[in-house]
Protein backbone atom coordinates (compact mmCIF):
# COMPACT_ATOMS: atom_id res chain seq x y z
CA MET A 1 -4.63 13.76 19.19
CA LYS A 2 -3.06 17.25 18.90
CA ALA A 3 0.64 15.57 20.15
CA ALA A 4 -0.06 12.74 17.82
CA VAL A 5 -0.72 14.90 14.90
CA LYS A 6 1.39 18.13 15.45
CA SER A 7 4.64 15.95 14.02
CA LEU A 8 3.05 15.06 10.75
CA LEU A 9 1.62 18.91 9.14
CA SER A 10 2.73 22.36 9.63
CA ASN A 11 -0.11 24.69 10.60
CA VAL A 12 1.64 27.82 8.71
CA ARG A 13 1.18 27.91 4.82
CA SER A 14 4.36 29.50 3.20
CA GLN A 15 5.59 30.59 0.38
CA THR A 16 9.15 28.74 0.52
CA LYS A 17 8.26 25.79 2.72
CA SER A 18 6.48 22.54 2.26
CA PRO A 19 3.28 21.81 4.34
CA LEU A 20 5.07 18.85 5.79
CA TYR A 21 6.28 19.67 9.36
CA VAL A 22 9.08 18.06 11.64
CA ASP A 23 9.02 18.01 15.42
CA SER A 24 12.61 17.55 16.07
CA SER A 25 12.06 17.39 19.87
CA SER A 26 9.59 13.96 19.14
CA GLU A 27 10.23 10.31 18.62
CA SER A 28 9.08 10.86 14.91
CA ASP A 29 11.95 13.08 13.78
CA ASP A 30 12.69 11.06 11.26
CA CYS A 31 9.72 12.23 8.92
CA ASP A 32 11.29 14.39 6.97
CA GLU A 33 10.10 15.54 3.57
CA ARG A 34 11.20 13.10 1.39
CA THR A 35 10.22 9.90 3.60
CA LEU A 36 6.40 11.62 4.36
CA LEU A 37 6.12 11.87 0.48
CA TYR A 38 7.41 8.62 -0.06
CA ARG A 39 5.14 7.14 2.78
CA HIS A 40 1.54 9.32 2.04
CA ARG A 41 1.69 9.30 -1.97
CA LYS A 42 -0.80 7.39 -3.82
CA GLN A 43 0.77 3.78 -3.98
CA ARG A 44 0.51 2.26 -7.65
CA GLY A 45 2.21 -1.00 -7.23
CA VAL A 46 2.75 -4.86 -8.26
CA ASN A 47 3.74 -7.36 -5.70
CA ILE A 48 7.44 -9.15 -6.00
CA GLY A 49 6.07 -12.51 -5.47
CA SER A 50 8.70 -15.62 -5.21
CA TRP A 51 11.79 -13.22 -4.57
CA PHE A 52 12.54 -14.50 -1.20
CA VAL A 53 8.92 -15.63 -0.15
CA LEU A 54 9.14 -18.75 -2.62
CA GLU A 55 5.88 -20.21 -4.65
CA ARG A 56 6.40 -22.96 -6.87
CA TRP A 57 3.67 -21.78 -9.25
CA ILE A 58 5.28 -18.73 -9.77
CA THR A 59 9.20 -19.98 -10.29
CA GLU A 60 9.95 -23.80 -10.27
CA GLN A 61 13.73 -23.44 -10.04
CA PRO A 62 14.46 -23.28 -6.78
CA PHE A 63 12.64 -25.95 -5.81
CA ARG A 64 15.07 -28.31 -8.00
CA CYS A 65 16.23 -30.19 -4.75
CA ALA A 66 13.57 -29.59 -2.01
CA ALA A 67 12.53 -32.12 0.04
CA ALA A 68 9.16 -33.44 -0.03
CA PRO A 69 7.00 -32.36 -0.55
CA GLY A 70 8.77 -29.36 -2.57
CA GLN A 71 6.05 -26.76 -1.92
CA SER A 72 7.52 -24.59 0.76
CA ASP A 73 10.67 -22.28 1.84
CA LEU A 74 11.01 -24.99 4.31
CA ASP A 75 10.94 -28.04 1.91
CA VAL A 76 13.62 -26.05 0.09
CA ALA A 77 15.79 -25.24 2.65
CA LYS A 78 15.97 -28.97 3.52
CA GLY A 79 17.20 -30.27 0.31
CA ALA A 80 20.14 -30.19 -0.97
CA HIS A 81 22.32 -27.44 -1.97
CA ALA A 82 19.73 -25.10 -0.19
CA ARG A 83 21.90 -21.76 0.46
CA GLU A 84 23.61 -22.09 -2.94
CA ILE A 85 20.04 -22.26 -4.49
CA LEU A 86 18.41 -19.44 -2.50
CA GLU A 87 21.25 -17.13 -2.59
CA ASN A 88 21.73 -17.19 -6.66
CA HIS A 89 17.49 -16.96 -6.78
CA TRP A 90 18.00 -13.95 -4.22
CA ASP A 91 20.76 -12.15 -6.76
CA SER A 92 19.32 -13.19 -10.06
CA TRP A 93 15.46 -13.09 -9.90
CA ILE A 94 14.81 -9.05 -9.79
CA SER A 95 17.46 -6.75 -11.59
CA ALA A 96 17.98 -3.03 -11.66
CA GLU A 97 16.52 -3.37 -15.15
CA ASP A 98 12.97 -4.59 -13.56
CA PHE A 99 13.21 -1.34 -11.08
CA GLU A 100 13.41 1.00 -14.01
CA ARG A 101 10.84 -0.47 -16.26
CA LEU A 102 8.83 -0.29 -13.28
CA SER A 103 9.27 3.27 -12.74
CA ALA A 104 9.00 4.50 -16.45
CA ILE A 105 5.71 2.71 -16.21
CA GLY A 106 4.36 4.63 -13.44
CA ILE A 107 4.56 2.19 -10.95
CA ASN A 108 6.28 3.67 -7.63
CA THR A 109 5.94 1.14 -4.87
CA VAL A 110 6.62 -2.72 -4.66
CA ARG A 111 4.89 -5.04 -1.95
CA ILE A 112 7.83 -7.26 -1.35
CA PRO A 113 6.78 -10.55 0.76
CA ILE A 114 9.44 -11.81 3.41
CA GLY A 115 9.37 -14.50 6.11
CA TYR A 116 10.71 -14.35 9.79
CA TYR A 117 13.56 -16.57 8.95
CA HIS A 118 14.75 -14.07 6.04
CA LEU A 119 15.52 -12.11 9.52
CA CYS A 120 17.84 -14.43 11.16
CA GLY A 121 20.98 -12.74 8.98
CA VAL A 122 19.79 -9.73 11.43
CA ASP A 123 19.24 -11.60 14.50
CA PRO A 124 20.00 -15.32 14.65
CA SER A 125 17.25 -16.12 17.72
CA VAL A 126 14.09 -15.22 15.48
CA LEU A 127 14.49 -18.87 14.28
CA ARG A 128 15.19 -20.41 18.22
CA GLY A 129 11.83 -22.92 18.34
CA THR A 130 10.61 -22.54 15.40
CA ASP A 131 10.17 -24.77 12.38
CA PHE A 132 13.49 -22.90 10.77
CA ASP A 133 15.20 -23.87 13.99
CA GLY A 134 19.38 -24.70 12.46
CA LEU A 135 18.49 -23.25 9.36
CA GLY A 136 20.39 -19.81 10.10
CA PRO A 137 23.10 -20.25 7.70
CA THR A 138 20.67 -21.33 4.81
CA PHE A 139 19.14 -17.82 5.71
CA ALA A 140 21.53 -15.59 6.85
CA GLY A 141 22.28 -13.96 3.62
CA ALA A 142 19.13 -12.79 2.86
CA TRP A 143 19.11 -9.56 4.85
CA SER A 144 21.84 -8.08 2.61
CA ARG A 145 19.29 -9.05 -0.32
CA ILE A 146 16.78 -7.40 1.23
CA VAL A 147 19.29 -3.81 2.02
CA LYS A 148 20.00 -4.40 -1.64
CA ALA A 149 16.58 -4.38 -2.78
CA ILE A 150 15.64 -1.30 -1.04
CA GLU A 151 18.82 0.58 -2.38
CA THR A 152 18.01 -0.17 -5.70
CA ALA A 153 14.28 0.98 -5.67
CA GLU A 154 15.38 3.90 -4.18
CA ARG A 155 17.55 4.53 -6.81
CA TYR A 156 14.30 4.80 -9.46
CA HIS A 157 12.28 6.39 -6.70
CA ILE A 158 10.09 3.22 -6.01
CA GLY A 159 9.04 2.78 -2.12
CA VAL A 160 9.13 -0.60 -0.56
CA LEU A 161 6.60 -1.92 1.46
CA PHE A 162 7.38 -5.55 3.67
CA ASP A 163 5.05 -7.59 3.76
CA LEU A 164 5.30 -10.83 6.63
CA HIS A 165 4.07 -13.43 4.39
CA ALA A 166 5.11 -16.00 6.91
CA SER A 167 4.94 -16.49 10.90
CA PRO A 168 6.19 -18.84 13.07
CA GLY A 169 3.55 -21.47 13.35
CA LYS A 170 2.26 -20.46 10.02
CA GLN A 171 -1.12 -17.70 10.05
CA ASN A 172 -3.12 -19.43 7.23
CA GLN A 173 -2.56 -22.95 5.91
CA ASP A 174 -1.01 -22.18 2.18
CA PRO A 175 2.46 -22.96 1.38
CA HIS A 176 3.62 -19.62 0.82
CA SER A 177 3.45 -18.83 4.95
CA GLY A 178 6.79 -21.21 5.07
CA THR A 179 5.93 -24.60 5.31
CA SER A 180 3.90 -27.24 3.54
CA SER A 181 1.99 -28.48 6.67
CA PRO A 182 -1.47 -26.95 6.52
CA VAL A 183 -1.86 -26.83 10.05
CA ILE A 184 -2.28 -23.19 11.49
CA SER A 185 -0.98 -22.69 14.88
CA PHE A 186 0.55 -18.98 14.92
CA PHE A 187 -2.56 -18.14 16.68
CA GLN A 188 -2.50 -21.21 19.45
CA THR A 189 0.51 -20.41 21.56
CA GLN A 190 1.76 -17.38 23.07
CA PHE A 191 5.24 -18.40 22.04
CA ASN A 192 4.13 -17.58 18.50
CA LEU A 193 2.48 -14.48 18.96
CA GLN A 194 4.66 -13.08 21.52
CA LEU A 195 7.76 -13.71 19.04
CA MET A 196 6.06 -12.63 15.67
CA ILE A 197 5.73 -9.22 18.16
CA ARG A 198 9.62 -9.17 18.64
CA ILE A 199 10.02 -10.23 14.88
CA LEU A 200 8.46 -7.00 13.56
CA ARG A 201 10.61 -5.20 16.36
CA VAL A 202 13.68 -6.59 14.97
CA LEU A 203 12.30 -5.40 11.45
CA VAL A 204 11.67 -1.82 11.87
CA SER A 205 14.51 -1.21 14.31
CA SER A 206 16.98 -3.03 11.91
CA LEU A 207 14.84 -0.58 8.92
CA ARG A 208 15.52 2.55 10.67
CA SER A 209 19.08 1.78 11.36
CA LEU A 210 19.82 1.33 7.56
CA ARG A 211 18.56 5.43 7.76
CA PHE A 212 19.79 6.69 10.71
CA ASP A 213 23.21 4.90 11.30
CA HIS A 214 24.68 3.75 7.98
CA ARG A 215 22.33 4.84 5.08
CA PRO A 216 20.50 8.09 5.57
CA THR A 217 19.62 8.77 2.07
CA LEU A 218 17.15 5.33 2.44
CA SER A 219 14.02 7.08 3.01
CA ASN A 220 11.95 5.11 0.76
CA VAL A 221 10.45 2.23 3.04
CA VAL A 222 6.74 2.90 2.78
CA GLY A 223 5.50 0.64 5.39
CA ILE A 224 4.83 -2.81 7.32
CA GLU A 225 2.38 -5.43 6.59
CA LEU A 226 1.89 -7.06 9.73
CA LEU A 227 0.81 -10.52 8.72
CA ASN A 228 -0.18 -11.69 5.04
CA GLU A 229 -3.94 -13.47 4.56
CA PRO A 230 -4.41 -14.35 8.39
CA LYS A 231 -6.94 -16.77 8.94
CA PRO A 232 -7.35 -16.77 12.67
CA PRO A 233 -10.09 -19.09 14.57
CA TYR A 234 -12.20 -15.67 15.11
CA PRO A 235 -11.69 -12.26 15.05
CA ALA A 236 -10.52 -11.45 18.30
CA ALA A 237 -7.87 -13.42 18.16
CA LEU A 238 -6.09 -11.55 15.16
CA GLN A 239 -7.40 -7.97 16.75
CA ALA A 240 -6.04 -8.05 19.99
CA TRP A 241 -2.85 -9.18 18.75
CA TYR A 242 -2.99 -6.43 15.86
CA LYS A 243 -3.60 -3.89 18.95
CA HIS A 244 -0.44 -5.36 20.76
CA ALA A 245 2.00 -5.51 17.71
CA ILE A 246 0.87 -1.97 16.76
CA ALA A 247 1.68 -0.29 20.11
CA GLU A 248 4.67 -2.21 20.03
CA ILE A 249 5.88 -1.02 16.32
CA ARG A 250 4.58 2.69 17.25
CA CYS A 251 6.96 3.21 20.23
CA LEU A 252 9.98 2.38 17.95
CA ASP A 253 8.47 4.80 14.74
CA PRO A 254 5.38 6.33 15.29
CA SER A 255 5.52 7.89 11.70
CA LEU A 256 5.95 4.77 9.87
CA PRO A 257 2.47 3.26 8.13
CA LEU A 258 1.10 -0.09 9.30
CA PHE A 259 -0.85 -2.20 6.70
CA ILE A 260 -3.29 -4.86 8.51
CA SER A 261 -5.29 -7.72 6.50
CA ASP A 262 -8.97 -7.46 6.81
CA CYS A 263 -9.25 -10.77 6.60
CA TRP A 264 -12.04 -10.44 3.46
CA MET A 265 -14.26 -8.62 6.05
CA PRO A 266 -13.63 -5.03 5.27
CA ASP A 267 -16.39 -3.52 7.40
CA ALA A 268 -15.33 -5.61 10.57
CA TYR A 269 -11.86 -4.43 10.05
CA ALA A 270 -12.79 -0.56 9.36
CA ASP A 271 -14.57 -0.76 12.63
CA PHE A 272 -11.61 -2.47 14.04
CA VAL A 273 -9.37 0.33 12.61
CA LYS A 274 -11.71 2.99 13.89
CA SER A 275 -11.25 1.60 17.50
CA LEU A 276 -7.88 2.57 17.74
CA PRO A 277 -6.08 5.03 19.78
CA PRO A 278 -5.19 8.35 17.50
CA THR A 279 -1.85 8.17 15.93
CA ALA A 280 0.23 10.21 13.73
CA ALA A 281 0.77 7.42 10.97
CA PRO A 282 -2.40 5.65 9.35
CA ILE A 283 -3.38 2.61 9.59
CA CYS A 284 -4.08 1.02 5.93
CA LEU A 285 -6.66 -1.76 5.82
CA ASP A 286 -5.30 -4.45 3.13
CA HIS A 287 -7.94 -6.03 0.82
CA HIS A 288 -7.01 -8.85 -1.66
CA LEU A 289 -9.39 -8.94 -4.44
CA TYR A 290 -9.62 -12.08 -7.01
CA ARG A 291 -12.28 -13.72 -9.16
CA CYS A 292 -11.60 -16.85 -10.37
CA PHE A 293 -11.14 -19.19 -7.19
CA THR A 294 -14.67 -19.84 -5.69
CA SER A 295 -17.72 -21.37 -7.50
CA GLU A 296 -19.21 -18.13 -8.14
CA ASP A 297 -15.89 -16.95 -10.15
CA ILE A 298 -15.90 -19.75 -12.20
CA SER A 299 -19.61 -19.71 -12.96
CA THR A 300 -19.64 -15.86 -13.53
CA PRO A 301 -18.85 -14.79 -17.33
CA ALA A 302 -15.72 -12.35 -17.57
CA ALA A 303 -17.89 -9.46 -18.80
CA GLN A 304 -20.15 -10.05 -15.89
CA HIS A 305 -16.90 -9.79 -13.45
CA SER A 306 -15.97 -6.54 -15.15
CA ALA A 307 -19.66 -4.84 -15.22
CA SER A 308 -19.93 -5.74 -11.32
CA LEU A 309 -16.84 -3.79 -10.33
CA SER A 310 -17.82 -1.00 -12.77
CA ASN A 311 -21.25 -0.48 -11.67
CA PRO A 312 -21.44 2.02 -8.61
CA ASN A 313 -24.37 0.27 -7.13
CA ALA A 314 -23.36 -3.55 -7.23
CA PRO A 315 -21.92 -4.85 -3.64
CA THR A 316 -18.09 -4.78 -4.27
CA PRO A 317 -17.83 -0.98 -5.39
CA GLN A 318 -20.60 0.15 -2.74
CA THR A 319 -18.48 -1.77 -0.14
CA PHE A 320 -15.10 -0.15 -1.48
CA ALA A 321 -17.11 3.20 -1.16
CA ARG A 322 -18.00 2.67 2.09
CA VAL A 323 -15.07 1.16 3.70
CA SER A 324 -12.98 3.96 2.02
CA GLY A 325 -14.82 6.79 3.87
CA GLU A 326 -14.95 5.63 7.10
CA LEU A 327 -11.34 4.60 7.31
CA LYS A 328 -10.40 8.36 5.59
CA ASP A 329 -12.38 9.67 8.69
CA ALA A 330 -10.90 7.51 11.30
CA GLY A 331 -7.24 8.52 9.62
CA GLY A 332 -6.88 5.26 8.03
CA ASP A 333 -7.06 4.35 4.37
CA LEU A 334 -7.94 1.26 2.18
CA ILE A 335 -5.38 -0.35 -0.24
CA VAL A 336 -5.83 -3.31 -2.60
CA GLY A 337 -2.53 -5.42 -1.98
CA GLU A 338 -2.91 -8.22 -4.14
CA TRP A 339 -5.12 -8.47 -7.58
CA SER A 340 -4.59 -9.52 -10.63
CA GLY A 341 -6.09 -10.29 -14.37
CA ALA A 342 -6.64 -13.76 -13.79
CA LEU A 343 -10.15 -15.39 -14.82
CA ASN A 344 -11.03 -19.12 -14.27
CA PRO A 345 -11.28 -20.82 -17.43
CA GLY A 346 -14.89 -21.19 -16.93
CA SER A 347 -15.00 -17.05 -17.09
CA LEU A 348 -14.07 -17.19 -20.44
CA LEU A 349 -16.16 -20.30 -21.96
CA GLY A 350 -17.41 -18.91 -25.64
CA VAL A 351 -15.18 -15.41 -25.60
CA ALA A 352 -14.25 -14.52 -28.99
CA ASP A 353 -11.76 -12.45 -27.95
CA GLU A 354 -10.09 -13.42 -24.72
CA ARG A 355 -7.37 -10.40 -24.43
CA ARG A 356 -10.26 -7.89 -24.50
CA GLU A 357 -12.21 -9.32 -21.91
CA ARG A 358 -9.12 -9.54 -19.98
CA THR A 359 -8.05 -6.28 -20.72
CA GLN A 360 -11.59 -4.86 -19.97
CA PHE A 361 -11.46 -6.89 -16.64
CA VAL A 362 -8.19 -5.11 -15.66
CA GLN A 363 -9.30 -1.58 -16.29
CA ALA A 364 -12.46 -1.93 -14.33
CA GLN A 365 -10.24 -2.94 -11.65
CA LEU A 366 -8.14 0.01 -11.97
CA ASP A 367 -10.98 2.62 -12.17
CA LEU A 368 -12.31 0.79 -8.95
CA PHE A 369 -9.09 1.26 -7.11
CA GLU A 370 -8.44 4.93 -8.27
CA ARG A 371 -11.59 6.02 -7.27
CA HIS A 372 -11.90 4.37 -3.65
CA CYS A 373 -8.25 3.27 -2.81
CA SER A 374 -5.08 4.84 -1.52
CA GLY A 375 -2.77 2.10 -3.20
CA TRP A 376 -2.71 -1.14 -5.12
CA PHE A 377 -0.52 -3.94 -5.71
CA PHE A 378 -1.03 -6.09 -8.58
CA TRP A 379 0.22 -10.08 -8.18
CA THR A 380 2.74 -10.75 -9.07
CA TYR A 381 5.40 -8.68 -11.20
CA LYS A 382 6.62 -12.13 -13.37
CA LYS A 383 6.55 -15.44 -13.46
CA GLN A 384 9.43 -17.81 -14.57
CA ILE A 385 7.94 -19.20 -17.67
CA PRO A 386 6.12 -16.02 -19.47
CA GLY A 387 3.07 -15.49 -21.08
CA ASP A 388 0.65 -15.47 -18.55
CA SER A 389 -1.29 -12.22 -19.04
CA GLY A 390 -3.49 -12.67 -16.11
CA TRP A 391 -0.89 -13.34 -13.38
CA SER A 392 2.21 -11.88 -14.38
CA PHE A 393 2.76 -8.00 -14.69
CA ARG A 394 5.04 -8.05 -17.12
CA ASP A 395 3.55 -10.04 -19.72
CA ALA A 396 -0.07 -8.06 -19.10
CA VAL A 397 2.10 -4.69 -20.26
CA ASP A 398 3.33 -6.73 -22.97
CA THR A 399 0.64 -7.83 -24.54
CA GLY A 400 -2.08 -4.89 -23.68
CA VAL A 401 -4.05 -6.30 -21.27
CA PHE A 402 -2.36 -3.72 -18.72
CA PRO A 403 -1.99 -0.09 -19.12
CA CYS A 404 1.37 0.92 -20.86
CA ARG A 405 1.37 3.62 -18.29
CA VAL A 406 -0.48 4.55 -14.55
CA GLY A 407 -0.27 7.78 -13.26
CA LEU A 408 0.18 11.36 -14.46
CA PHE A 409 3.26 11.83 -16.41
CA PRO A 410 3.73 15.73 -17.09
CA VAL A 411 4.26 17.01 -20.63
CA LYS A 412 5.30 20.34 -19.61
CA PRO A 413 7.27 22.20 -17.51
CA ILE A 414 6.15 22.29 -13.55
CA PRO A 415 6.94 25.59 -11.99
CA HIS A 416 7.98 24.77 -8.44
CA ASP A 417 8.12 27.99 -7.35
CA GLN A 418 4.64 29.14 -6.39
CA THR A 419 5.60 32.80 -7.43
CA ASP A 420 5.34 31.59 -10.85
CA PRO A 421 1.85 32.87 -12.43
CA LEU A 422 1.17 29.43 -13.87
CA PHE A 423 1.43 27.68 -10.37
CA ASP A 424 -2.36 28.40 -9.16
CA VAL A 425 -3.96 26.88 -12.42
CA ARG A 426 -7.21 26.40 -10.31
CA SER A 427 -8.87 29.76 -11.09
CA VAL A 428 -8.74 29.56 -15.02
CA LEU A 429 -9.75 25.70 -14.81
CA LEU A 430 -12.99 25.37 -12.79
CA THR A 431 -15.62 26.19 -14.87
CA VAL A 432 -17.93 26.51 -11.50
CA GLU A 433 -16.22 27.34 -8.52
CA PRO A 434 -16.78 24.66 -5.96
CA GLU A 435 -18.36 26.74 -3.03
CA ALA A 436 -21.07 27.27 -5.33
CA ARG A 437 -21.70 24.17 -6.05
CA HIS A 438 -21.27 22.63 -2.72
CA VAL A 439 -24.23 25.73 -1.50
CA SER A 440 -26.73 24.96 -4.68
CA TYR A 441 -26.31 20.78 -3.32
CA TRP A 442 -27.12 21.55 -0.10
CA ALA A 443 -30.02 24.38 -1.16
CA GLN A 444 -31.96 21.19 -1.58
CA TYR A 445 -32.41 20.54 2.04
CA PRO A 446 -32.78 23.55 4.18
CA ALA A 447 -31.11 23.46 7.40
CA HIS A 448 -28.62 25.77 8.78
CA TYR A 449 -24.97 25.50 7.18
CA GLU A 450 -21.56 26.80 7.71
CA HIS A 451 -20.56 27.00 4.17
CA TRP A 452 -17.80 29.02 4.29
CA ARG A 453 -16.14 25.97 6.29
CA PHE A 454 -16.15 24.10 2.70
CA GLU A 455 -14.37 26.44 1.32
CA LYS A 456 -11.63 26.79 3.63
CA GLY A 457 -11.31 22.65 3.40
CA TYR A 458 -11.27 22.63 -0.09
CA ASP A 459 -8.18 25.70 -0.03
CA GLN A 460 -6.32 23.20 2.16
CA GLY A 461 -7.01 19.95 0.60
CA TRP A 462 -6.21 21.81 -2.95
CA GLU A 463 -2.66 23.41 -1.82
CA ASP A 464 -1.85 19.88 0.35
CA ALA A 465 -2.61 17.79 -2.97
CA PHE A 466 -0.33 20.39 -5.41
CA TYR A 467 2.49 20.27 -3.05
CA PHE A 468 2.57 16.49 -3.67
CA LEU A 469 2.05 16.87 -7.43
CA THR A 470 4.49 19.85 -7.97
CA SER A 471 7.23 18.63 -5.31
CA SER A 472 10.89 18.67 -7.73
CA VAL A 473 11.96 15.64 -5.06
CA PHE A 474 11.26 12.70 -7.39
CA GLU A 475 12.60 13.44 -10.75
CA HIS A 476 11.72 10.36 -12.78
CA GLY A 477 8.43 8.66 -13.54
CA ALA A 478 5.08 9.51 -12.57
CA VAL A 479 4.41 12.98 -10.20
CA SER A 480 3.44 12.21 -6.70
CA GLU A 481 -0.36 12.25 -5.56
CA LEU A 482 -1.12 12.70 -2.08
CA GLY A 483 -2.90 9.18 -1.96
CA LEU A 484 -2.77 8.16 2.07
CA GLU A 485 -5.31 11.35 2.46
CA GLY A 486 -7.20 10.31 5.71
CA ILE A 487 -4.40 10.83 8.22
CA TRP A 488 -4.12 14.54 6.29
CA ARG A 489 -7.62 15.35 6.49
CA LYS A 490 -8.36 14.14 9.87
CA LYS A 491 -4.85 16.29 11.20
CA ARG A 492 -6.73 19.41 8.97
CA VAL A 493 -10.05 18.98 10.38
CA TYR A 494 -8.39 19.04 13.98
CA GLU A 495 -6.56 22.29 13.53
CA HIS A 496 -9.61 23.75 11.50
CA ALA A 497 -11.64 23.12 14.79
CA LEU A 498 -8.92 24.32 17.30
CA ARG A 499 -8.47 27.66 14.90
CA ASP A 500 -12.13 28.57 14.11
CA GLY A 501 -14.19 26.90 16.47
CA ARG A 502 -15.79 23.57 17.06
CA SER A 503 -19.14 22.87 15.72
CA ASP A 504 -21.63 20.28 14.24
CA HIS A 505 -20.36 21.38 10.77
CA LEU A 506 -16.96 20.57 10.84
CA TRP A 507 -17.89 17.81 8.40
CA GLU A 508 -18.41 20.47 5.83
CA TYR A 509 -14.73 21.60 5.78
CA GLY A 510 -13.72 17.79 5.46
CA HIS A 511 -16.26 17.83 2.74
CA GLY A 512 -14.34 20.65 1.10
CA TYR A 513 -10.65 19.11 1.82
CA GLN A 514 -11.45 16.01 -0.13
CA GLN A 515 -13.12 17.76 -2.75
CA GLY A 516 -9.87 19.88 -2.78
CA VAL A 517 -7.63 17.00 -2.92
CA GLN A 518 -9.62 15.16 -6.12
CA GLU A 519 -9.47 18.42 -8.22
CA ALA A 520 -6.17 19.23 -7.61
CA ALA A 521 -5.24 16.09 -9.75
CA ILE A 522 -7.83 16.96 -12.32
CA ASP A 523 -6.21 20.71 -12.42
CA PHE A 524 -2.95 19.33 -12.48
CA GLN A 525 -3.30 17.21 -15.25
CA ARG A 526 -5.28 19.77 -17.59
CA ALA A 527 -2.25 22.17 -17.00
CA TYR A 528 0.96 20.04 -17.14
CA CYS A 529 -0.27 16.43 -18.78
């Protein structure tokens, strides 16, 4: 454990150095300050749907010459003028102005779905023996566009999470996993399982080479999602593959956060994450939340959907609180990789003000995610035909269904020199010292405690969080907030145990750290926003 976390953070607090630490002797020497800030800040994001992995309900135009049934990337590739159609779409669907607009709103990360076939420009052999065999020339130009997407996002301080939306053999039955066939064969053959791991290695190696060989300023790739919405025949089949894939990627980049789908079984996959070996980078569990597809969703009124997400005692908030806590204790984190403002028409029957109901639904979700998650990504950024404020982020913002800004936007200058008297805002903003609150609470339950550990944890959590908030690395958009807290807390607890002695009361240090992180954001907001 010590070796795994040493490369992440420093043991020593300094007036002139950040708390981030790089061990140049380790394989994780790519974890400079800028990279860690990108990768560990709270991720408020959108999905850039139908840019590389096409979905006809989002954008119709690329399917105009597609082969029947005309629903998937393979259908487009087998149709007339496929290369020209795809390259024109890749070049026009998203522009620099889109990234600029997202940054101004406070969006700091995008999740970009790609298919394995989009990597054939790096390694043509990834198509061999797959449904896309022989279609290399059609997709070879995708990689240069993917690189340009990273570069453009970086100009606006936006991180990029790459999501493997389509695997060889398909990991789910939907057309957005590459082909229109409903047959899932990814899990059925070792060829597919092994090829997908090689594809992930190609992607990670290529992204690293961009930073080190040619474009050393590209530090904004925040992670890789191994598979989107896989539907395995049984959980053990997927979990065994996850273990193998994670181990292979860790050999290439031990500092890269990895994201895995929970298959809508968050408790089971939280247990899986907890069973993994200690790591210097987090494993993030991706949960997708929609309330518009099932018969129960359809029969539930919009207001009730919002209420069930706002009530802390309701099932979904209870699950989020429980799973998030367990993941953080294990050095991981919970994110919502897909969600929307979409409601089934059945939920809106008799509603007098549909916009108001949808706005409340969106806000209820945002509040839930902000309380318990390290990141969230709205699906999707835009649709070809405008006007859908449920699914199109751009339309949701324009109509007021989605807030005009998210995150913290300072209105006062932020001191970046810790000698500035305004830097330590905690002592003047808290009405009751956190240590006193902690002692008072546990006084209800007489027992032996070591409350001094809480105080040390609180101080460290507050300082780590405040470092993110006051970082001058990103000059535009919302400030960075410590988001992937789990790996930081676990590392700090471990350091504390080594320094101050192991104890049954290390939980007090962890509780203090967590509260310190939370209240640093409150203090910062009161002082500067």
